[in-house]
Amino acid sequence: MRGIEGEQVLLRLIVSESRYEAGQPLFRAILELLRKEGVAGTTVLKGIAGFGHDRDIHTIDIEVASLGLPLVIEVVDTPEHVERVLGKLEPLLAGAVVMLERAHVIRYTNSATG
């Protein structure tokens, strides 16, 4: 496991759960690409409500509107690694929201050891 601590970068992507790439959910294609590229770690969070460019509210409250809920994909790694991976993600990110933030990593350890 590659350790990262101190000042790093948080890459946050917001995509629709209804988007697909090559027959699989877009979030899954992104997750697999990030793992293949060796990023330190990635978390995918499912939103319970949101709206985007179309201004339509998607929510779990209404079964019909629950299609297209937002998914947030967060990646924390070194600035260099995130910039390199972002270039490879670019073809998948049409319609996505892409954000970069500074992140101060306090701890990143193997759960089996600490």
Protein backbone atom coordinates (compact mmCIF):
# COMPACT_ATOMS: atom_id res chain seq x y z
CA MET A 1 0.00 0.00 0.00
CA ARG A 2 1.26 3.41 -0.99
CA GLY A 3 1.05 5.88 1.88
CA ILE A 4 -0.13 9.45 1.52
CA GLU A 5 -0.14 12.05 4.28
CA GLY A 6 -0.14 15.82 4.55
CA GLU A 7 -1.30 18.18 1.82
CA GLN A 8 -2.96 16.28 -1.02
CA VAL A 9 -5.82 16.81 -3.47
CA LEU A 10 -9.47 15.77 -3.30
CA LEU A 11 -11.03 15.08 -6.69
CA ARG A 12 -14.83 15.06 -6.50
CA LEU A 13 -16.95 13.97 -9.46
CA ILE A 14 -20.73 14.17 -9.57
CA VAL A 15 -22.39 11.98 -12.18
CA SER A 16 -25.86 10.61 -12.79
CA GLU A 17 -26.48 7.03 -11.77
CA SER A 18 -28.40 6.55 -15.01
CA ARG A 19 -25.30 7.16 -17.19
CA TYR A 20 -23.66 4.14 -18.81
CA GLU A 21 -20.33 3.60 -20.55
CA ALA A 22 -19.66 0.51 -22.67
CA GLY A 23 -22.61 -1.35 -21.18
CA GLN A 24 -21.80 -0.74 -17.51
CA PRO A 25 -22.78 2.02 -15.09
CA LEU A 26 -20.53 5.05 -15.57
CA PHE A 27 -19.53 5.11 -11.90
CA ARG A 28 -18.28 1.54 -12.25
CA ALA A 29 -16.20 2.39 -15.33
CA ILE A 30 -14.69 5.35 -13.44
CA LEU A 31 -14.05 3.23 -10.34
CA GLU A 32 -12.29 0.53 -12.35
CA LEU A 33 -10.17 3.07 -14.23
CA LEU A 34 -9.10 4.70 -10.94
CA ARG A 35 -8.19 1.34 -9.41
CA LYS A 36 -6.23 0.36 -12.53
CA GLU A 37 -4.36 3.66 -12.35
CA GLY A 38 -3.36 2.97 -8.74
CA VAL A 39 -5.02 5.86 -6.94
CA ALA A 40 -4.80 5.68 -3.16
CA GLY A 41 -8.54 5.11 -2.79
CA THR A 42 -11.98 6.05 -4.05
CA THR A 43 -15.42 6.28 -2.47
CA VAL A 44 -18.75 6.38 -4.33
CA LEU A 45 -21.66 7.97 -2.47
CA LYS A 46 -25.28 7.84 -3.64
CA GLY A 47 -27.26 11.02 -3.25
CA ILE A 48 -30.87 10.91 -2.12
CA ALA A 49 -31.86 13.99 -4.11
CA GLY A 50 -30.48 16.55 -6.52
CA PHE A 51 -30.90 18.50 -9.73
CA GLY A 52 -28.58 19.51 -12.51
CA HIS A 53 -28.56 21.24 -15.88
CA ASP A 54 -32.07 20.00 -16.69
CA ARG A 55 -33.39 21.65 -13.47
CA ASP A 56 -35.54 18.55 -12.81
CA ILE A 57 -35.41 17.40 -9.20
CA HIS A 58 -34.51 13.73 -8.83
CA THR A 59 -35.36 12.27 -5.46
CA ILE A 60 -35.93 8.92 -3.79
CA ASP A 61 -39.31 10.27 -2.60
CA ILE A 62 -40.95 9.75 -5.97
CA GLU A 63 -40.34 6.37 -7.59
CA VAL A 64 -40.53 7.67 -11.16
CA ALA A 65 -38.14 10.56 -10.44
CA SER A 66 -35.65 8.35 -8.63
CA LEU A 67 -33.94 7.64 -11.94
CA GLY A 68 -30.81 9.68 -12.40
CA LEU A 69 -29.95 10.23 -8.75
CA PRO A 70 -26.58 11.88 -8.19
CA LEU A 71 -23.50 9.82 -7.43
CA VAL A 72 -20.49 11.51 -5.83
CA ILE A 73 -17.12 9.91 -6.52
CA GLU A 74 -14.32 11.11 -4.24
CA VAL A 75 -10.62 10.46 -4.74
CA VAL A 76 -7.78 11.66 -2.50
CA ASP A 77 -4.22 11.38 -3.76
CA THR A 78 -1.16 13.44 -4.59
CA PRO A 79 -1.68 16.43 -6.89
CA GLU A 80 0.51 14.82 -9.55
CA HIS A 81 -1.38 11.53 -9.50
CA VAL A 82 -4.78 13.21 -9.61
CA GLU A 83 -3.75 15.43 -12.55
CA ARG A 84 -2.45 12.39 -14.48
CA VAL A 85 -5.61 10.37 -13.82
CA LEU A 86 -7.89 13.29 -14.60
CA GLY A 87 -6.55 13.32 -18.15
CA LYS A 88 -7.53 9.66 -18.55
CA LEU A 89 -10.98 10.29 -17.03
CA GLU A 90 -11.76 13.19 -19.35
CA PRO A 91 -13.50 11.10 -22.07
CA LEU A 92 -15.94 9.76 -19.43
CA LEU A 93 -16.87 13.09 -17.87
CA ALA A 94 -19.31 14.66 -20.35
CA GLY A 95 -22.11 16.12 -18.24
CA ALA A 96 -20.26 15.52 -14.96
CA VAL A 97 -19.34 18.08 -12.34
CA VAL A 98 -15.59 17.96 -11.64
CA MET A 99 -14.05 19.66 -8.61
CA LEU A 100 -10.57 19.79 -7.10
CA GLU A 101 -9.91 20.82 -3.52
CA ARG A 102 -6.96 20.80 -1.19
CA ALA A 103 -7.13 18.00 1.36
CA HIS A 104 -5.02 17.54 4.45
CA VAL A 105 -4.65 13.79 5.02
CA ILE A 106 -4.18 13.06 8.71
CA ARG A 107 -4.24 9.29 8.50
CA TYR A 108 -4.23 6.75 5.70
CA THR A 109 -3.50 3.28 6.98
CA ASN A 110 -4.33 -0.32 6.25
CA SER A 111 -7.40 -1.17 8.34
CA ALA A 112 -5.84 -4.50 9.31
CA THR A 113 -2.91 -2.73 10.99
CA GLY A 114 -4.46 0.37 12.41
